[in-house]
Amino acid sequence: MKITCPQCGASGNLPDHEIPEEGRFLSCPKCKHGFDVKKPKATTNEYLVDSCPACAYSTFGEERFGTCPKCGVVIKAFVDRQREEMNRAREQQLLSRKFSRDTAVPAAMPTQAAIPNSSSAGSSPPPESKSIDIGDMIENLHPVNLVGGGCALAGAIILLIGIIGIFDYYGTDYLAKISKESLELGIADRPSALSIFLHNGLVPWIETLYGSSLLAASVFFLQKQAQARQALGWLLWAFIAYVPSYHLVAIISHFFESIIPSLWTFAIDVLIMIVVSALVGFPLYLLINFLEDKRIRSVVRL
């Protein structure tokens, strides 16, 4: 069908079967204006059938339809999609044959004298060349798959680190360990259970909860769910805020210890916090902005 931009009037053609039933969001390549395109309804005088080619529904009479009353498929779009798939398979087969012919290494033909009884030995057929589905490879390299796969991998790693930390926390008697170290240093105060949890058990739990949330949001993002893109952006902002907060809490906790760090040590800790926050936050900020790109918004819409 013909697509016309309502903003600048630029026009182009788009196959009907590439537009889903609920419509599709497009961005004008000329003025970058975004607009919705609705799927055209099949008219009463084209592609009228009495048997649906998709679900095999049949009226068993003279009644004909352009949209299947059982599965809702538009006959015209279904037929056009089948034709395009057949043309694509034919082009891929021709491309595969040309590729195998151009890359084949010519071999010297043996003579009848060199190989006795060659006529009775029989010749083995040449191996079939494996065609590469370029369409599937390009689809796998789509920005949605790249961003979702990378975030899912990061979420799985953070979740694994958090689970290992939780097992280590509950498998270690920190109270006895810290009490022994306190006696060796001559400190009589015994730490409370809350203090031990804040120092050793809180971070693994945060990592576990954050990793599972990031992994779940990434999976829904790969499935092109409605709110996945927004949830993924919130989780990335949370990680950007977590990095300096973690270092800031560590710096403040030094002032409540028995040994107060020097001013030089404090300056180094602040510099490390700024550098690490910049190294982590800047790429994530670019990734958050990339989630607003039209190549992602046209596929994963809110």
Protein backbone atom coordinates (compact mmCIF):
# COMPACT_ATOMS: atom_id res chain seq x y z
CA MET A 1 0.00 0.00 0.00
CA LYS A 2 1.06 3.62 -0.49
CA ILE A 3 2.22 5.48 2.64
CA THR A 4 2.13 9.29 2.77
CA CYS A 5 3.63 11.38 5.58
CA PRO A 6 0.97 13.75 7.01
CA GLN A 7 3.66 16.28 7.93
CA CYS A 8 5.73 16.80 4.76
CA GLY A 9 3.79 14.78 2.17
CA ALA A 10 6.62 12.35 1.36
CA SER A 11 5.29 9.05 0.05
CA GLY A 12 6.46 5.49 -0.38
CA ASN A 13 5.20 1.92 -0.72
CA LEU A 14 4.97 -0.74 2.01
CA PRO A 15 3.69 -4.32 1.58
CA ASP A 16 0.34 -4.93 3.26
CA HIS A 17 1.52 -8.04 5.11
CA GLU A 18 4.25 -6.06 6.91
CA ILE A 19 1.56 -4.08 8.73
CA PRO A 20 0.06 -5.95 11.74
CA GLU A 21 -3.65 -5.98 12.42
CA GLU A 22 -3.36 -3.33 15.17
CA GLY A 23 -1.31 -1.02 12.94
CA ARG A 24 2.35 0.02 12.87
CA PHE A 25 4.27 3.12 13.97
CA LEU A 26 6.49 4.62 11.28
CA SER A 27 8.91 7.54 11.17
CA CYS A 28 9.24 9.66 8.03
CA PRO A 29 12.82 9.35 6.67
CA LYS A 30 12.61 12.91 5.39
CA CYS A 31 11.21 14.99 8.26
CA LYS A 32 11.48 12.35 11.07
CA HIS A 33 7.79 12.80 11.92
CA GLY A 34 6.18 9.72 13.53
CA PHE A 35 2.70 8.54 12.64
CA ASP A 36 0.53 5.41 12.78
CA VAL A 37 -0.36 3.35 9.73
CA LYS A 38 -3.45 1.16 9.79
CA LYS A 39 -3.83 -2.04 7.83
CA PRO A 40 -6.14 -1.66 4.82
CA LYS A 41 -9.29 -3.73 4.84
CA ALA A 42 -9.84 -6.16 2.02
CA THR A 43 -12.52 -4.98 -0.42
CA THR A 44 -15.43 -7.11 -1.48
CA ASN A 45 -14.27 -7.66 -5.06
CA GLU A 46 -10.68 -8.88 -4.62
CA TYR A 47 -9.29 -12.13 -3.23
CA LEU A 48 -12.69 -13.50 -2.34
CA VAL A 49 -12.55 -17.19 -1.39
CA ASP A 50 -14.85 -19.78 0.11
CA SER A 51 -12.03 -21.62 1.94
CA CYS A 52 -9.41 -19.94 4.17
CA PRO A 53 -5.83 -20.85 3.11
CA ALA A 54 -4.58 -20.28 6.68
CA CYS A 55 -6.97 -22.29 8.89
CA ALA A 56 -8.87 -24.27 6.19
CA TYR A 57 -12.20 -22.81 7.29
CA SER A 58 -14.83 -23.28 4.56
CA THR A 59 -18.33 -21.97 4.04
CA PHE A 60 -19.36 -25.11 2.07
CA GLY A 61 -21.51 -22.95 -0.16
CA GLU A 62 -21.51 -19.99 -2.51
CA GLU A 63 -20.68 -17.50 0.25
CA ARG A 64 -17.23 -15.90 -0.18
CA PHE A 65 -15.17 -13.72 2.10
CA GLY A 66 -12.07 -11.50 1.98
CA THR A 67 -11.34 -11.80 5.72
CA CYS A 68 -11.64 -15.18 7.40
CA PRO A 69 -14.46 -15.09 9.98
CA LYS A 70 -12.73 -17.81 12.05
CA CYS A 71 -9.04 -16.79 12.33
CA GLY A 72 -9.37 -13.18 11.12
CA VAL A 73 -6.60 -13.40 8.49
CA VAL A 74 -6.88 -11.05 5.51
CA ILE A 75 -6.77 -13.20 2.38
CA LYS A 76 -5.02 -10.58 0.26
CA ALA A 77 -2.24 -10.04 2.83
CA PHE A 78 -1.83 -13.82 3.29
CA VAL A 79 -1.51 -14.44 -0.44
CA ASP A 80 0.91 -11.52 -0.90
CA ARG A 81 3.06 -12.79 1.98
CA GLN A 82 3.20 -16.29 0.47
CA ARG A 83 4.23 -14.86 -2.89
CA GLU A 84 6.97 -12.75 -1.33
CA GLU A 85 8.29 -15.73 0.66
CA MET A 86 8.40 -17.83 -2.51
CA ASN A 87 10.23 -15.08 -4.39
CA ARG A 88 12.68 -14.66 -1.50
CA ALA A 89 13.35 -18.42 -1.37
CA ARG A 90 13.89 -18.49 -5.13
CA GLU A 91 16.32 -15.55 -4.96
CA GLN A 92 18.16 -17.16 -2.03
CA GLN A 93 18.48 -20.42 -3.98
CA LEU A 94 19.89 -18.60 -7.01
CA LEU A 95 22.30 -16.67 -4.78
CA SER A 96 23.44 -19.90 -3.11
CA ARG A 97 24.07 -21.58 -6.47
CA LYS A 98 26.05 -18.58 -7.73
CA PHE A 99 28.07 -18.45 -4.50
CA SER A 100 28.95 -22.17 -4.66
CA ARG A 101 29.86 -21.90 -8.35
CA ASP A 102 32.14 -18.88 -7.84
CA THR A 103 33.98 -20.37 -4.85
CA ALA A 104 34.37 -23.89 -6.21
CA VAL A 105 38.01 -24.94 -6.79
CA PRO A 106 38.47 -26.60 -10.19
CA ALA A 107 40.07 -30.02 -9.96
CA ALA A 108 42.03 -31.88 -12.63
CA MET A 109 39.88 -34.43 -14.44
CA PRO A 110 41.33 -37.96 -14.23
CA THR A 111 41.79 -39.85 -17.46
CA GLN A 112 40.46 -43.32 -18.28
CA ALA A 113 44.02 -44.70 -18.35
CA ALA A 114 44.96 -43.28 -14.99
CA ILE A 115 41.96 -44.85 -13.21
CA PRO A 116 41.12 -48.33 -14.48
CA ASN A 117 37.48 -49.45 -14.34
CA SER A 118 36.40 -45.89 -13.59
CA SER A 119 33.15 -46.44 -15.46
CA SER A 120 32.12 -49.20 -13.08
CA ALA A 121 33.34 -47.48 -9.93
CA GLY A 122 30.69 -44.77 -10.09
CA SER A 123 31.08 -41.12 -9.14
CA SER A 124 29.83 -39.57 -5.92
CA PRO A 125 27.56 -36.57 -6.30
CA PRO A 126 29.01 -33.18 -5.34
CA PRO A 127 28.12 -32.05 -1.85
CA GLU A 128 25.21 -29.64 -1.56
CA SER A 129 26.11 -26.12 -0.59
CA LYS A 130 24.54 -24.81 2.56
CA SER A 131 22.74 -21.55 2.00
CA ILE A 132 22.97 -18.78 4.58
CA ASP A 133 19.67 -17.19 5.53
CA ILE A 134 20.70 -13.56 5.37
CA GLY A 135 17.26 -12.43 6.54
CA ASP A 136 17.54 -14.38 9.80
CA MET A 137 21.08 -13.09 10.40
CA ILE A 138 19.98 -9.46 9.90
CA GLU A 139 16.97 -10.03 12.17
CA ASN A 140 19.26 -11.38 14.91
CA LEU A 141 21.40 -8.22 14.58
CA HIS A 142 18.38 -5.95 15.16
CA PRO A 143 19.03 -3.29 17.87
CA VAL A 144 16.23 -4.73 20.01
CA ASN A 145 17.95 -8.14 20.07
CA LEU A 146 21.38 -6.64 20.70
CA VAL A 147 20.25 -4.39 23.57
CA GLY A 148 17.96 -7.01 25.11
CA GLY A 149 20.55 -9.77 24.84
CA GLY A 150 23.32 -7.63 26.37
CA CYS A 151 21.13 -6.50 29.27
CA ALA A 152 19.93 -10.08 29.85
CA LEU A 153 23.54 -11.28 30.02
CA ALA A 154 24.46 -8.50 32.47
CA GLY A 155 21.40 -9.30 34.60
CA ALA A 156 22.28 -13.01 34.70
CA ILE A 157 25.87 -12.23 35.79
CA ILE A 158 24.72 -9.81 38.54
CA LEU A 159 22.13 -12.36 39.71
CA LEU A 160 24.77 -15.11 39.89
CA ILE A 161 27.16 -12.86 41.87
CA GLY A 162 24.36 -11.97 44.28
CA ILE A 163 23.34 -15.60 44.84
CA ILE A 164 26.97 -16.57 45.53
CA GLY A 165 27.23 -13.67 48.00
CA ILE A 166 24.03 -14.75 49.81
CA PHE A 167 25.29 -18.33 50.19
CA ASP A 168 28.61 -17.00 51.48
CA TYR A 169 26.85 -14.69 53.97
CA TYR A 170 24.58 -17.37 55.43
CA GLY A 171 27.34 -19.98 55.34
CA THR A 172 29.84 -17.92 57.34
CA ASP A 173 29.64 -17.21 61.08
CA TYR A 174 30.48 -13.51 60.81
CA LEU A 175 29.63 -12.87 64.47
CA ALA A 176 32.29 -15.29 65.69
CA LYS A 177 34.77 -14.11 63.05
CA ILE A 178 34.35 -10.42 63.89
CA SER A 179 34.40 -11.12 67.65
CA LYS A 180 37.72 -12.94 67.26
CA GLU A 181 39.21 -10.08 65.28
CA SER A 182 37.92 -7.59 67.86
CA LEU A 183 39.58 -9.50 70.72
CA GLU A 184 42.87 -9.58 68.81
CA LEU A 185 42.67 -5.79 68.34
CA GLY A 186 41.64 -5.23 71.95
CA ILE A 187 38.13 -4.05 71.12
CA ALA A 188 35.52 -5.19 73.62
CA ASP A 189 32.38 -4.14 71.73
CA ARG A 190 30.48 -6.91 69.99
CA PRO A 191 28.79 -5.98 66.69
CA SER A 192 25.03 -6.39 66.43
CA ALA A 193 23.30 -8.68 63.95
CA LEU A 194 21.95 -5.63 62.06
CA SER A 195 25.45 -4.21 61.71
CA ILE A 196 26.76 -7.52 60.37
CA PHE A 197 23.90 -7.70 57.86
CA LEU A 198 24.47 -4.13 56.65
CA HIS A 199 28.19 -4.76 56.14
CA ASN A 200 28.07 -8.27 54.65
CA GLY A 201 24.53 -9.32 53.66
CA LEU A 202 22.82 -6.23 52.26
CA VAL A 203 24.85 -5.91 49.04
CA PRO A 204 24.33 -9.56 47.92
CA TRP A 205 20.58 -9.18 48.42
CA ILE A 206 20.55 -5.94 46.41
CA GLU A 207 22.55 -7.63 43.64
CA THR A 208 20.18 -10.61 43.59
CA LEU A 209 17.03 -8.50 43.41
CA TYR A 210 18.49 -6.12 40.83
CA GLY A 211 19.90 -8.92 38.67
CA SER A 212 16.60 -10.81 38.62
CA SER A 213 14.69 -7.60 37.78
CA LEU A 214 17.10 -6.69 34.97
CA LEU A 215 16.97 -10.23 33.58
CA ALA A 216 13.15 -10.29 33.63
CA ALA A 217 12.87 -6.84 32.02
CA SER A 218 15.35 -7.85 29.30
CA VAL A 219 13.40 -11.02 28.50
CA PHE A 220 10.15 -9.05 28.18
CA PHE A 221 12.02 -6.46 26.09
CA LEU A 222 13.15 -9.20 23.70
CA GLN A 223 9.52 -10.33 23.49
CA LYS A 224 8.57 -6.71 22.58
CA GLN A 225 6.25 -6.31 25.56
CA ALA A 226 4.56 -2.93 26.03
CA GLN A 227 6.21 -1.63 29.25
CA ALA A 228 9.55 -3.45 28.92
CA ARG A 229 11.42 -0.53 27.32
CA GLN A 230 10.39 1.89 30.06
CA ALA A 231 11.20 -0.61 32.84
CA LEU A 232 14.61 -1.29 31.30
CA GLY A 233 15.36 2.44 31.29
CA TRP A 234 14.41 2.76 34.97
CA LEU A 235 16.68 -0.15 35.92
CA LEU A 236 19.61 1.39 34.03
CA TRP A 237 19.05 4.71 35.81
CA ALA A 238 18.97 2.82 39.13
CA PHE A 239 22.36 1.24 38.39
CA ILE A 240 23.80 4.65 37.47
CA ALA A 241 22.65 5.99 40.85
CA TYR A 242 23.79 2.88 42.74
CA VAL A 243 27.48 3.12 41.83
CA PRO A 244 28.23 6.54 43.41
CA SER A 245 25.87 5.81 46.30
CA TYR A 246 27.76 2.62 47.14
CA HIS A 247 31.12 4.45 47.20
CA LEU A 248 29.64 7.37 49.14
CA VAL A 249 28.29 5.07 51.86
CA ALA A 250 31.70 3.36 52.09
CA ILE A 251 33.42 6.74 52.49
CA ILE A 252 30.97 7.91 55.17
CA SER A 253 31.27 4.63 57.07
CA HIS A 254 35.02 5.22 57.50
CA PHE A 255 34.29 8.17 59.78
CA PHE A 256 32.36 5.93 62.18
CA GLU A 257 35.20 3.43 62.51
CA SER A 258 37.81 3.55 65.21
CA ILE A 259 40.53 4.58 62.77
CA ILE A 260 39.62 7.80 60.95
CA PRO A 261 41.28 8.00 57.49
CA SER A 262 43.55 10.88 56.59
CA LEU A 263 42.55 13.72 54.30
CA TRP A 264 44.69 12.29 51.50
CA THR A 265 42.95 8.91 51.77
CA PHE A 266 39.57 10.67 51.72
CA ALA A 267 40.52 12.60 48.56
CA ILE A 268 41.63 9.38 46.83
CA ASP A 269 38.34 7.67 47.73
CA VAL A 270 36.34 10.60 46.32
CA LEU A 271 38.41 10.57 43.11
CA ILE A 272 37.85 6.81 42.71
CA MET A 273 34.11 7.34 43.21
CA ILE A 274 33.99 10.02 40.49
CA VAL A 275 36.06 7.99 37.98
CA VAL A 276 34.14 4.74 38.49
CA SER A 277 30.78 6.55 38.33
CA ALA A 278 31.79 8.21 35.05
CA LEU A 279 33.06 4.97 33.51
CA VAL A 280 29.86 3.15 34.39
CA GLY A 281 27.33 5.95 34.07
CA PHE A 282 28.30 7.45 30.69
CA PRO A 283 27.84 4.24 28.61
CA LEU A 284 24.59 3.46 30.42
CA TYR A 285 23.36 7.01 29.78
CA LEU A 286 24.04 6.56 26.07
CA LEU A 287 22.19 3.24 26.18
CA ILE A 288 19.17 4.88 27.85
CA ASN A 289 19.08 7.51 25.10
CA PHE A 290 19.40 4.77 22.48
CA LEU A 291 16.21 3.17 23.84
CA GLU A 292 14.38 6.23 22.47
CA ASP A 293 15.72 5.57 18.95
CA LYS A 294 13.06 5.15 16.26
CA ARG A 295 14.42 1.70 15.34
CA ILE A 296 13.49 0.53 18.85
CA ARG A 297 10.36 2.64 19.41
CA SER A 298 8.83 1.35 16.16
CA VAL A 299 9.14 -2.25 17.42
CA VAL A 300 8.73 -1.91 21.21
CA ARG A 301 6.05 0.74 21.71
CA LEU A 302 4.61 1.96 25.01
